[in-house]
Protein backbone atom coordinates (compact mmCIF):
# COMPACT_ATOMS: atom_id res chain seq x y z
CA MET A 1 153.28 104.32 103.78
CA LYS A 2 156.87 103.04 103.93
CA ARG A 3 158.16 106.55 103.19
CA THR A 4 156.07 107.94 106.06
CA LEU A 5 157.40 105.29 108.45
CA ARG A 6 160.94 106.05 107.28
CA LYS A 7 160.39 109.76 107.99
CA LEU A 8 159.02 108.97 111.45
CA SER A 9 162.02 106.76 112.17
CA LEU A 10 164.41 109.51 111.09
CA ILE A 11 162.57 112.05 113.24
CA THR A 12 162.65 109.68 116.20
CA LEU A 13 166.38 109.06 115.70
CA PHE A 14 167.03 112.79 115.44
CA LEU A 15 165.11 113.47 118.67
CA MET A 16 167.01 110.74 120.51
CA ILE A 17 170.35 112.18 119.37
CA PHE A 18 169.23 115.70 120.24
CA LEU A 19 168.04 114.70 123.71
CA SER A 20 171.22 112.74 124.38
CA VAL A 21 173.29 115.79 123.45
CA LEU A 22 171.20 117.92 125.80
CA THR A 23 171.73 115.36 128.56
CA VAL A 24 175.49 115.29 128.02
CA ASN A 25 175.64 119.08 127.96
CA ALA A 26 173.49 119.31 131.08
CA SER A 27 175.67 116.86 132.98
CA SER A 28 178.85 118.61 131.93
CA ASN A 29 177.58 122.07 132.89
CA PRO A 30 179.17 123.22 136.15
CA VAL A 31 176.85 123.52 139.15
CA THR A 32 177.45 124.96 142.61
CA ILE A 33 175.64 123.58 145.64
CA THR A 34 175.74 125.55 148.90
CA ILE A 35 175.66 123.77 152.25
CA LEU A 36 174.81 125.88 155.30
CA HIS A 37 175.41 124.35 158.72
CA THR A 38 175.05 124.96 162.45
CA ASN A 39 176.16 122.99 165.52
CA ASP A 40 176.02 123.11 169.31
CA MET A 41 173.22 125.66 169.35
CA HIS A 42 172.17 124.55 172.86
CA SER A 43 168.86 126.38 172.23
CA ARG A 44 170.53 129.83 172.10
CA ILE A 45 167.77 131.21 169.89
CA ASP A 46 168.04 134.90 170.82
CA GLU A 47 170.64 137.38 169.69
CA GLY A 48 173.38 137.72 172.29
CA ASP A 49 175.93 134.94 172.48
CA GLY A 50 175.34 134.48 168.76
CA MET A 51 173.32 136.00 165.94
CA GLY A 52 170.04 134.37 167.03
CA LEU A 53 167.60 132.36 164.94
CA PRO A 54 165.67 135.30 163.42
CA LYS A 55 168.85 136.66 161.76
CA LEU A 56 170.01 133.18 160.82
CA SER A 57 166.68 132.58 159.10
CA THR A 58 167.05 135.78 157.07
CA LEU A 59 170.60 134.82 156.06
CA VAL A 60 169.40 131.41 154.88
CA LYS A 61 166.65 133.01 152.80
CA ASP A 62 169.03 135.57 151.27
CA ILE A 63 171.62 132.94 150.34
CA LYS A 64 168.97 130.61 148.94
CA ALA A 65 167.58 133.44 146.79
CA LYS A 66 171.01 133.69 145.13
CA ASN A 67 171.52 129.93 144.86
CA PRO A 68 168.43 127.69 145.13
CA ASN A 69 170.76 124.66 145.19
CA LEU A 70 171.07 124.80 148.96
CA LEU A 71 170.94 122.45 151.95
CA LEU A 72 170.70 123.48 155.62
CA LEU A 73 172.07 120.96 158.14
CA ASP A 74 172.56 120.83 161.91
CA ALA A 75 175.26 118.82 163.69
CA GLY A 76 173.56 118.37 167.05
CA ASP A 77 173.33 119.59 170.67
CA THR A 78 170.46 121.73 169.50
CA ILE A 79 167.22 121.13 171.39
CA HIS A 80 168.39 121.38 175.00
CA GLY A 81 170.09 123.95 177.20
CA LYS A 82 167.84 126.96 177.80
CA THR A 83 164.52 127.19 179.55
CA PHE A 84 162.81 128.01 176.24
CA ALA A 85 163.61 124.46 175.13
CA ASN A 86 163.65 122.58 178.41
CA LEU A 87 160.13 123.44 179.59
CA VAL A 88 158.66 121.78 176.48
CA LYS A 89 161.35 119.11 176.04
CA GLY A 90 162.76 120.45 172.80
CA GLU A 91 159.54 120.90 170.85
CA SER A 92 159.90 124.69 170.60
CA ILE A 93 163.30 124.40 168.90
CA ILE A 94 162.14 121.78 166.40
CA LYS A 95 159.20 123.98 165.40
CA LEU A 96 161.55 126.89 164.73
CA MET A 97 163.86 124.65 162.69
CA ASN A 98 160.83 123.51 160.66
CA THR A 99 159.99 127.10 159.80
CA ILE A 100 163.59 128.02 158.92
CA GLY A 101 163.77 125.03 156.61
CA TYR A 102 166.39 122.61 157.93
CA ASP A 103 166.99 119.56 155.74
CA ALA A 104 168.47 117.20 158.35
CA MET A 105 169.94 116.98 161.84
CA VAL A 106 172.13 114.49 163.69
CA PRO A 107 171.49 114.07 167.43
CA GLY A 108 174.16 115.36 169.82
CA ASN A 109 174.71 113.91 173.27
CA HIS A 110 172.66 116.66 174.93
CA ASP A 111 169.76 116.06 172.55
CA PHE A 112 169.23 112.84 174.51
CA ASN A 113 168.74 114.73 177.79
CA TYR A 114 164.97 114.20 177.67
CA GLY A 115 165.50 110.49 176.99
CA TYR A 116 165.80 108.79 173.61
CA SER A 117 162.05 108.07 173.48
CA ARG A 118 161.36 111.82 173.48
CA LEU A 119 163.88 112.33 170.67
CA ILE A 120 162.15 109.66 168.59
CA GLU A 121 158.80 111.28 169.35
CA LEU A 122 160.06 114.66 168.13
CA ALA A 123 161.54 113.05 165.01
CA GLU A 124 158.31 111.25 164.14
CA GLN A 125 155.65 113.72 165.25
CA THR A 126 157.14 117.24 165.20
CA ALA A 127 160.11 117.56 162.83
CA ASN A 128 159.50 118.22 159.14
CA PHE A 129 163.07 117.11 158.49
CA PRO A 130 164.76 113.79 159.27
CA ILE A 131 166.89 113.22 162.36
CA ILE A 132 169.52 110.85 161.02
CA CYS A 133 172.07 108.55 162.64
CA ALA A 134 173.83 105.47 161.33
CA ASN A 135 175.62 104.28 164.46
CA ILE A 136 172.88 103.92 167.08
CA LYS A 137 170.88 100.72 167.26
CA LYS A 138 168.33 99.18 169.59
CA ASP A 139 167.76 95.44 169.46
CA GLY A 140 169.78 95.33 166.25
CA GLU A 141 167.70 97.94 164.41
CA PHE A 142 168.63 101.53 163.58
CA LEU A 143 167.09 103.90 166.12
CA PHE A 144 166.90 106.66 163.49
CA GLN A 145 166.97 106.77 159.71
CA PRO A 146 170.67 106.24 158.92
CA TYR A 147 170.93 108.45 155.84
CA ILE A 148 169.06 110.45 153.21
CA ILE A 149 169.74 111.12 149.53
CA LYS A 150 168.80 114.54 148.18
CA GLU A 151 168.79 115.35 144.47
CA ILE A 152 169.75 118.97 144.06
CA GLY A 153 171.11 120.86 141.06
CA GLY A 154 171.09 117.61 139.11
CA LYS A 155 173.41 115.97 141.64
CA LYS A 156 172.66 113.22 144.14
CA ILE A 157 173.90 114.17 147.60
CA ALA A 158 174.00 111.51 150.34
CA ILE A 159 173.95 112.61 153.99
CA PHE A 160 174.45 110.13 156.82
CA GLY A 161 174.62 110.80 160.54
CA LEU A 162 177.04 109.74 163.28
CA ALA A 163 176.61 110.43 167.01
CA THR A 164 179.38 110.33 169.60
CA PRO A 165 179.54 107.16 171.73
CA GLU A 166 180.40 109.58 174.55
CA THR A 167 176.63 110.11 174.73
CA LEU A 168 176.53 107.01 176.94
CA TYR A 169 178.13 109.04 179.74
CA LYS A 170 177.74 112.64 178.53
CA SER A 171 173.99 112.42 178.92
CA HIS A 172 172.33 110.76 181.89
CA PRO A 173 172.93 107.00 181.45
CA ASP A 174 169.20 106.34 181.78
CA ASN A 175 168.59 108.44 178.66
CA THR A 176 170.37 105.90 176.46
CA LYS A 177 169.66 102.71 178.38
CA GLY A 178 169.31 99.78 176.00
CA LEU A 179 170.98 101.54 173.06
CA ASP A 180 174.09 100.34 171.25
CA PHE A 181 176.52 102.98 169.95
CA ILE A 182 178.61 101.51 167.14
CA ASN A 183 182.18 102.64 166.50
CA PRO A 184 181.66 105.61 164.14
CA SER A 185 184.34 104.52 161.67
CA ASN A 186 182.93 100.99 161.46
CA ALA A 187 179.42 102.31 160.88
CA ALA A 188 180.63 104.84 158.30
CA THR A 189 182.56 102.23 156.33
CA GLY A 190 179.41 100.20 155.77
CA ILE A 191 177.30 103.21 154.85
CA VAL A 192 179.88 104.67 152.43
CA ASN A 193 180.27 101.31 150.69
CA GLU A 194 176.49 101.21 150.26
CA LEU A 195 176.25 104.77 148.93
CA LYS A 196 179.38 105.40 146.86
CA ASN A 197 178.01 103.97 143.59
CA GLN A 198 174.60 105.63 144.00
CA VAL A 199 175.49 109.29 144.51
CA ASP A 200 177.76 112.12 143.38
CA PHE A 201 178.78 113.41 146.80
CA ILE A 202 178.80 112.03 150.37
CA ILE A 203 178.37 114.12 153.53
CA ALA A 204 178.88 112.78 157.04
CA LEU A 205 176.81 114.87 159.46
CA THR A 206 178.53 114.13 162.75
CA HIS A 207 178.55 114.99 166.42
CA LEU A 208 182.04 113.70 167.18
CA GLY A 209 184.24 116.76 167.62
CA LEU A 210 187.98 117.36 167.43
CA ASP A 211 188.94 117.22 171.12
CA ALA A 212 192.27 115.46 171.55
CA GLY A 213 190.95 113.74 174.68
CA SER A 214 188.02 112.10 172.90
CA GLU A 215 188.22 108.46 171.86
CA PHE A 216 186.32 109.13 168.63
CA THR A 217 186.84 112.28 166.55
CA SER A 218 185.90 113.55 163.12
CA GLU A 219 189.59 113.71 162.18
CA GLN A 220 189.95 110.04 163.07
CA LEU A 221 186.88 109.30 160.94
CA ALA A 222 188.38 111.12 157.95
CA LYS A 223 191.64 109.17 158.28
CA GLU A 224 190.00 105.76 158.71
CA VAL A 225 187.16 105.95 156.18
CA SER A 226 187.75 106.84 152.54
CA GLY A 227 185.00 108.12 150.29
CA ILE A 228 183.56 110.84 152.53
CA ASN A 229 183.75 114.19 150.73
CA LEU A 230 182.61 116.44 153.55
CA ILE A 231 182.25 116.07 157.33
CA ILE A 232 179.95 118.60 159.00
CA ASP A 233 180.85 118.28 162.66
CA GLY A 234 179.88 119.39 166.17
CA HIS A 235 180.53 118.51 169.83
CA SER A 236 183.92 120.18 170.43
CA HIS A 237 182.67 123.76 169.84
CA THR A 238 185.53 124.32 167.38
CA GLU A 239 185.84 127.34 165.10
CA LEU A 240 187.17 126.16 161.72
CA THR A 241 187.37 129.35 159.70
CA GLU A 242 188.14 127.68 156.37
CA GLY A 243 187.62 124.07 157.37
CA LYS A 244 190.27 121.40 157.85
CA MET A 245 191.44 119.08 155.07
CA ILE A 246 192.31 115.51 156.02
CA GLY A 247 193.38 113.81 152.82
CA SER A 248 190.55 114.42 150.37
CA THR A 249 187.96 114.99 153.12
CA LEU A 250 186.99 118.48 154.30
CA ILE A 251 185.93 118.88 157.96
CA VAL A 252 183.89 121.94 158.95
CA GLN A 253 182.53 123.14 162.29
CA ALA A 254 181.00 126.48 163.34
CA GLU A 255 181.91 126.81 167.05
CA ASP A 256 178.66 127.15 169.03
CA TYR A 257 175.57 129.19 170.04
CA ILE A 258 175.07 130.37 166.41
CA LYS A 259 178.09 132.64 166.69
CA TYR A 260 178.59 131.55 163.09
CA LEU A 261 176.59 130.17 160.22
CA GLY A 262 178.86 127.72 158.45
CA ARG A 263 178.96 127.69 154.66
CA VAL A 264 180.47 125.27 152.15
CA ASP A 265 180.24 125.96 148.41
CA ILE A 266 180.68 122.80 146.34
CA ASN A 267 181.47 123.31 142.68
CA PHE A 268 180.89 120.38 140.35
CA ALA A 269 182.76 120.90 137.08
CA SER A 270 184.33 118.78 134.36
CA GLU A 271 187.73 119.00 136.04
CA GLY A 272 186.34 117.66 139.34
CA ILE A 273 184.79 118.77 142.62
CA LYS A 274 186.05 121.84 144.45
CA MET A 275 184.96 122.83 147.97
CA LYS A 276 185.31 126.16 149.72
CA ALA A 277 184.47 126.55 153.41
CA SER A 278 183.76 129.80 155.24
CA LEU A 279 182.01 131.15 158.33
CA ILE A 280 179.45 133.95 158.49
CA SER A 281 179.90 135.56 161.90
CA LYS A 282 177.37 137.30 164.10
CA GLU A 283 179.32 140.49 163.36
CA ASP A 284 178.82 139.90 159.64
CA ALA A 285 175.11 139.60 160.37
CA ALA A 286 174.96 142.72 162.56
CA ASP A 287 172.92 144.71 160.04
CA THR A 288 170.73 141.79 159.00
CA VAL A 289 167.04 142.25 159.79
CA GLY A 290 165.67 139.27 161.66
CA ASP A 291 162.92 137.14 160.13
CA SER A 292 159.70 138.55 161.62
CA LYS A 293 157.99 135.17 161.43
CA ILE A 294 160.66 133.55 163.58
CA THR A 295 160.62 136.49 165.98
CA GLN A 296 156.86 136.13 166.40
CA LEU A 297 157.06 132.37 166.93
CA ILE A 298 159.62 132.91 169.69
CA ALA A 299 157.47 135.59 171.32
CA ASP A 300 154.40 133.36 171.21
CA GLU A 301 156.27 130.46 172.77
CA ASN A 302 157.75 132.63 175.53
CA LYS A 303 154.30 133.94 176.34
CA SER A 304 152.82 130.47 176.49
CA GLN A 305 155.44 129.34 178.99
CA GLY A 306 154.00 131.69 181.55
CA SER A 307 155.09 134.31 184.00
CA ILE A 308 156.30 131.76 186.55
CA LEU A 309 159.79 131.96 185.07
CA LYS A 310 160.05 135.60 186.10
CA THR A 311 159.35 134.84 189.76
CA VAL A 312 162.06 136.41 191.97
CA ILE A 313 163.43 134.03 194.60
CA GLY A 314 166.24 136.16 196.06
CA SER A 315 169.09 138.46 195.14
CA THR A 316 172.88 138.49 194.99
CA THR A 317 175.33 141.29 195.71
CA VAL A 318 178.04 139.61 193.61
CA GLU A 319 178.10 138.01 190.17
CA LEU A 320 177.66 134.25 190.43
CA LEU A 321 180.32 132.89 188.11
CA GLY A 322 179.29 129.91 186.00
CA GLU A 323 180.99 130.41 182.64
CA ARG A 324 182.41 127.32 180.97
CA GLN A 325 186.08 128.37 181.13
CA PHE A 326 185.89 128.91 184.91
CA VAL A 327 183.67 126.11 186.24
CA ARG A 328 185.63 123.50 184.26
CA THR A 329 189.01 124.57 185.63
CA GLY A 330 188.61 125.63 189.25
CA GLU A 331 186.60 126.79 192.23
CA THR A 332 183.92 129.45 191.66
CA ASN A 333 181.45 131.13 193.99
CA LEU A 334 178.52 129.62 192.07
CA GLY A 335 180.02 126.15 192.36
CA ASN A 336 180.35 126.74 196.11
CA LEU A 337 176.79 128.03 196.40
CA LEU A 338 175.36 125.06 194.54
CA THR A 339 177.29 122.42 196.46
CA ASP A 340 176.45 124.16 199.76
CA ALA A 341 172.76 123.93 198.84
CA MET A 342 173.14 120.23 197.98
CA ARG A 343 175.02 119.39 201.18
CA ILE A 344 172.97 121.45 203.62
CA LEU A 345 169.54 120.53 202.31
CA SER A 346 170.42 116.84 201.99
CA GLY A 347 172.24 116.59 205.32
CA ALA A 348 175.17 114.80 203.66
CA ASP A 349 178.74 115.00 204.91
CA ILE A 350 179.93 116.51 201.65
CA ALA A 351 178.63 117.49 198.23
CA LEU A 352 180.37 116.97 194.90
CA THR A 353 179.12 118.07 191.49
CA ASN A 354 180.67 118.38 188.03
CA GLY A 355 181.53 121.75 186.55
CA GLY A 356 180.04 120.68 183.21
CA GLY A 357 176.61 120.68 184.80
CA ILE A 358 176.86 124.43 185.52
CA ARG A 359 175.89 126.21 182.31
CA ALA A 360 175.55 129.95 182.98
CA SER A 361 176.38 132.84 185.29
CA ILE A 362 173.91 135.01 187.26
CA ASP A 363 174.34 138.78 187.28
CA ILE A 364 174.24 141.00 190.35
CA GLY A 365 170.68 141.79 191.45
CA GLU A 366 167.46 139.86 191.64
CA ILE A 367 167.51 136.14 190.91
CA THR A 368 164.61 134.54 189.04
CA ILE A 369 163.55 130.93 188.54
CA GLU A 370 164.46 131.34 184.88
CA GLU A 371 168.05 132.21 185.77
CA VAL A 372 168.35 129.17 188.02
CA LEU A 373 167.06 126.99 185.20
CA GLU A 374 169.61 128.47 182.83
CA VAL A 375 172.38 127.59 185.29
CA LEU A 376 171.02 124.06 185.73
CA PRO A 377 169.17 123.13 182.53
CA PHE A 378 169.48 119.34 182.62
CA GLY A 379 166.60 118.43 184.92
CA ASN A 380 168.91 116.55 187.30
CA THR A 381 167.92 115.52 190.81
CA VAL A 382 170.03 115.34 193.98
CA VAL A 383 171.06 111.86 195.12
CA VAL A 384 172.99 110.96 198.28
CA LYS A 385 175.42 108.05 198.10
CA GLU A 386 177.78 106.40 200.57
CA LEU A 387 181.43 106.34 199.52
CA LYS A 388 184.61 105.33 201.29
CA GLY A 389 187.26 107.99 201.74
CA SER A 390 189.50 106.22 199.23
CA GLU A 391 186.68 106.32 196.65
CA ILE A 392 186.23 110.04 197.21
CA ILE A 393 189.93 110.56 196.48
CA SER A 394 189.51 108.46 193.31
CA CYS A 395 186.65 110.73 192.27
CA LEU A 396 188.79 113.81 192.83
CA GLU A 397 191.72 112.28 190.92
CA HIS A 398 189.40 111.49 188.02
CA GLY A 399 187.70 114.89 187.95
CA THR A 400 191.00 116.79 187.95
CA SER A 401 192.92 114.40 185.67
CA LYS A 402 192.91 116.84 182.73
CA TYR A 403 193.74 119.94 184.79
CA PRO A 404 194.66 122.64 183.73
CA GLU A 405 192.62 121.87 180.59
CA ALA A 406 188.91 122.69 180.80
CA ASN A 407 186.99 119.53 181.61
CA GLY A 408 183.29 119.03 182.34
CA SER A 409 184.02 116.50 185.10
CA PHE A 410 185.96 119.04 187.20
CA PRO A 411 184.69 118.57 190.82
CA HIS A 412 183.13 121.41 192.82
CA VAL A 413 182.75 120.60 196.50
CA SER A 414 181.20 121.55 199.82
CA GLY A 415 182.20 120.25 203.25
CA LEU A 416 185.45 119.15 201.66
CA SER A 417 188.72 120.74 200.58
CA TYR A 418 191.56 119.37 198.50
CA THR A 419 194.80 120.33 196.80
CA ILE A 420 195.94 119.52 193.25
CA ASP A 421 199.71 119.09 193.11
CA VAL A 422 200.56 119.50 189.42
CA ALA A 423 204.13 118.29 190.01
CA LYS A 424 202.93 114.78 190.82
CA PRO A 425 201.93 112.07 188.30
CA LEU A 426 198.32 111.48 187.31
CA GLY A 427 196.49 109.43 189.90
CA GLN A 428 198.64 110.84 192.69
CA ARG A 429 197.97 114.57 192.38
CA ILE A 430 195.28 114.96 195.05
CA THR A 431 196.66 115.82 198.48
CA ASP A 432 195.58 117.34 201.78
CA VAL A 433 191.94 116.18 201.53
CA LYS A 434 189.86 117.35 204.48
CA ILE A 435 186.22 116.75 205.37
CA GLY A 436 184.69 119.12 207.86
CA GLY A 437 188.18 120.52 208.47
CA ARG A 438 189.61 117.11 209.43
CA ALA A 439 191.84 114.81 207.42
CA LEU A 440 189.91 112.33 205.29
CA ILE A 441 190.09 108.72 206.51
CA SER A 442 190.49 106.28 203.62
CA ASN A 443 188.42 103.40 205.00
CA GLN A 444 185.69 105.54 206.58
CA ARG A 445 182.34 105.88 204.83
CA TYR A 446 180.94 109.32 204.11
CA THR A 447 177.62 110.45 202.70
CA VAL A 448 178.06 112.36 199.44
CA ALA A 449 175.36 114.49 197.82
CA THR A 450 175.72 114.58 194.04
CA ASN A 451 173.53 114.88 190.96
CA ASP A 452 171.76 111.84 189.54
CA PHE A 453 173.84 112.03 186.36
CA MET A 454 177.03 111.43 188.32
CA ALA A 455 175.27 109.04 190.71
CA SER A 456 174.66 106.77 187.72
CA GLY A 457 178.30 106.88 186.70
CA GLY A 458 178.01 109.86 184.34
CA ASP A 459 181.09 111.87 183.32
CA GLY A 460 183.21 108.83 184.19
CA TYR A 461 182.43 108.89 187.94
CA THR A 462 182.07 105.11 188.05
CA TRP A 463 182.54 104.89 191.82
CA PHE A 464 179.04 106.30 192.43
CA ALA A 465 177.00 103.79 190.43
CA PRO A 466 177.51 100.72 192.70
CA ALA A 467 177.54 102.77 195.93
CA LYS A 468 174.70 102.50 198.44
CA ASN A 469 171.91 105.05 198.08
CA ALA A 470 171.46 107.11 201.23
CA GLY A 471 168.62 109.39 200.09
CA GLU A 472 167.19 111.48 197.29
CA LEU A 473 165.97 115.06 196.95
CA GLY A 474 164.05 116.89 194.27
CA GLY A 475 165.44 118.63 191.22
CA LEU A 476 168.89 120.20 191.41
CA ASP A 477 167.40 123.49 190.22
CA GLU A 478 164.71 123.26 192.90
CA VAL A 479 167.31 122.62 195.62
CA LEU A 480 169.34 125.65 194.55
CA ALA A 481 166.21 127.82 194.28
CA GLU A 482 165.03 126.74 197.74
CA TYR A 483 168.44 127.48 199.26
CA ILE A 484 168.60 130.94 197.68
CA LYS A 485 165.05 131.65 198.81
CA SER A 486 165.89 130.66 202.38
CA LYS A 487 168.82 133.08 202.41
CA GLY A 488 167.11 135.97 200.63
CA MET A 489 170.26 137.99 200.00
CA ILE A 490 173.43 136.08 199.11
CA ALA A 491 177.09 136.91 198.48
CA PRO A 492 178.99 133.63 198.06
CA LYS A 493 182.74 133.67 197.52
CA THR A 494 185.65 131.39 196.76
CA GLU A 495 187.17 130.07 199.97
CA GLY A 496 190.21 128.00 199.03
CA ARG A 497 188.26 124.76 198.96
CA ILE A 498 190.35 123.83 195.91
CA LYS A 499 194.03 124.73 195.90
CA VAL A 500 196.60 124.20 193.17
CA VAL A 501 200.29 123.84 194.03
CA ASP A 502 203.47 122.77 192.30
CA SER A 503 205.44 120.95 195.01
CA SER A 504 208.56 121.07 192.83
CA LYS A 505 208.47 124.84 193.32
CA MET A 506 207.32 124.89 196.96
CA VAL A 507 209.09 124.91 200.31
CA VAL A 508 207.74 124.21 203.77
CA TYR A 509 208.69 126.92 206.22
CA ILE A 510 208.46 126.28 209.96
CA VAL A 511 207.63 129.45 211.87
CA LYS A 512 210.24 130.49 214.44
CA LYS A 513 209.90 132.59 217.57
CA GLY A 514 209.75 136.27 216.69
CA ASP A 515 208.68 135.71 213.08
CA VAL A 516 206.13 138.00 211.44
CA LEU A 517 204.43 137.17 208.16
CA TRP A 518 205.64 140.16 206.17
CA ARG A 519 209.28 139.38 207.01
CA ILE A 520 208.85 135.71 206.06
CA ALA A 521 207.37 136.80 202.73
CA MET A 522 210.17 139.30 202.08
CA ASN A 523 212.88 136.74 202.88
CA HIS A 524 211.34 134.32 200.36
CA GLY A 525 210.81 136.86 197.57
CA THR A 526 207.02 136.76 197.74
CA ASN A 527 204.24 138.69 199.49
CA ILE A 528 201.89 137.95 202.35
CA TYR A 529 198.87 137.64 200.05
CA GLU A 530 200.44 134.76 198.13
CA ILE A 531 201.30 133.00 201.40
CA ILE A 532 197.75 133.47 202.69
CA LYS A 533 196.36 132.09 199.41
CA LEU A 534 198.47 128.94 199.78
CA ASN A 535 197.62 128.52 203.48
CA PRO A 536 194.00 129.64 203.96
CA GLU A 537 193.25 127.27 206.85
CA GLU A 538 196.55 127.90 208.68
CA LEU A 539 196.22 131.68 208.29
CA THR A 540 192.59 132.43 209.10
CA ASN A 541 194.08 135.34 211.08
CA PRO A 542 197.34 136.40 209.38
CA ASP A 543 198.29 138.49 212.44
CA LEU A 544 198.48 135.34 214.56
CA ILE A 545 201.27 132.93 213.68
CA PHE A 546 203.07 130.76 216.20
CA PRO A 547 206.37 128.86 216.48
CA GLY A 548 206.28 125.40 214.92
CA GLN A 549 203.50 126.29 212.47
CA LYS A 550 204.12 124.93 208.95
CA LEU A 551 203.54 127.24 205.99
CA MET A 552 203.75 126.39 202.27
CA ILE A 553 205.69 129.05 200.36
CA GLN A 554 206.29 129.36 196.63
CA LYS A 555 209.99 129.27 195.72
């Protein structure tokens, strides 16, 4: 009996040693985990601007077939932007993400555009993946699950989310009312301290961005918080081809609109962890066959949204320019059309709206409701406020403060014209402000039609929030659609409502008897077209100039 027990003990000891050796060998074996990531999709699901979700889905499947140790993450600004998403308040996008197999998402500022309650509803009732965020609280409690831990390839991977505090003014303020946005670095420090002894690798899934003008950035996070291995970022629409190393932290971002599928391969080996970042472009995916299941889901959703979107409300003989790089830096014909609609239909003295609220162009030809909704996807309404002339100038100074850099707060106007003098210091660059063709009076009150986002102080336009309400209209998209419909055929143009000058390189010329414009231009080394551009109101008829008239001329 004793001999039998001794044999059993020896067998047990042998098994324990054998299993421990297997465990050591298993842990020392190198493993590669692949992270795929997207950001700032803005519901661009179809091929065009980017590769589209059907092709992205196929790429994910193909990569996962080669390496099952894979995670798919999204860094926000995903469920809002196009009619496909807006008509059902983001549900259509979440359903597609479920089918593709996303593992987690952090909310971007525009994901709050339906209100935070809707985002919670989608997280709890629709999404098969967690929406995570560790720096938003309500009444002292996390609004979303702060982090997740995934065991993959024998490694424990922690993923925590961080949203930009800019959400407080880069979504309608009502959408985040009652929420507290914690400093991202402060929130991350606490989370990393909690996680660092539990896991093998820490990922911060962030919507912070790398814009130099932002108060909080992913680069700042990497510098201030140690222990984060990888930051998967969004918000600034930045293309980081091979990522950006800040100390021992790798930051990655994949521009926007699914132009790229981001990829990070993480190799765990005995000598340490190595990371390699890359981007798969829409050109790389050109020959990829789209996932038929995703294609069918999109078709079904489009069909269910009805034919009303295809209703023609008018036509345009010119392209209506609404691309980001134009509406955030200067006057465009679409900005003029929109503000004209706001001013005329509201009866206000002037209209002022932010370029960041204009999200698309409209091609020559028929204009449909769908196209209007793509231009104005945020569901804003038109609000009329009363502002003093001095407050209007403050608004213009604020909106143009980053010029010539692209800025979403850039002010488009109707019933008003102004000049930006880039030679003058910030806060003193706005000159020659006219309302209805007459000089603005600082202490006079004017009615200003704007969108409800700005009326609540959004985009930093704090002068609107305390101002007296003087009326409200319906949706901004409805106002534009009604105005186009009333005109039938339109051909808006830029009119010199917004001029840019450099007074350090300008002279004032006083017209003398016998002068003609072409000779003035020749004597100053310029041409008549440049003079007309700088003096649109003075030269409504360039053939008629008179002695004593003042003309601005570039040196």
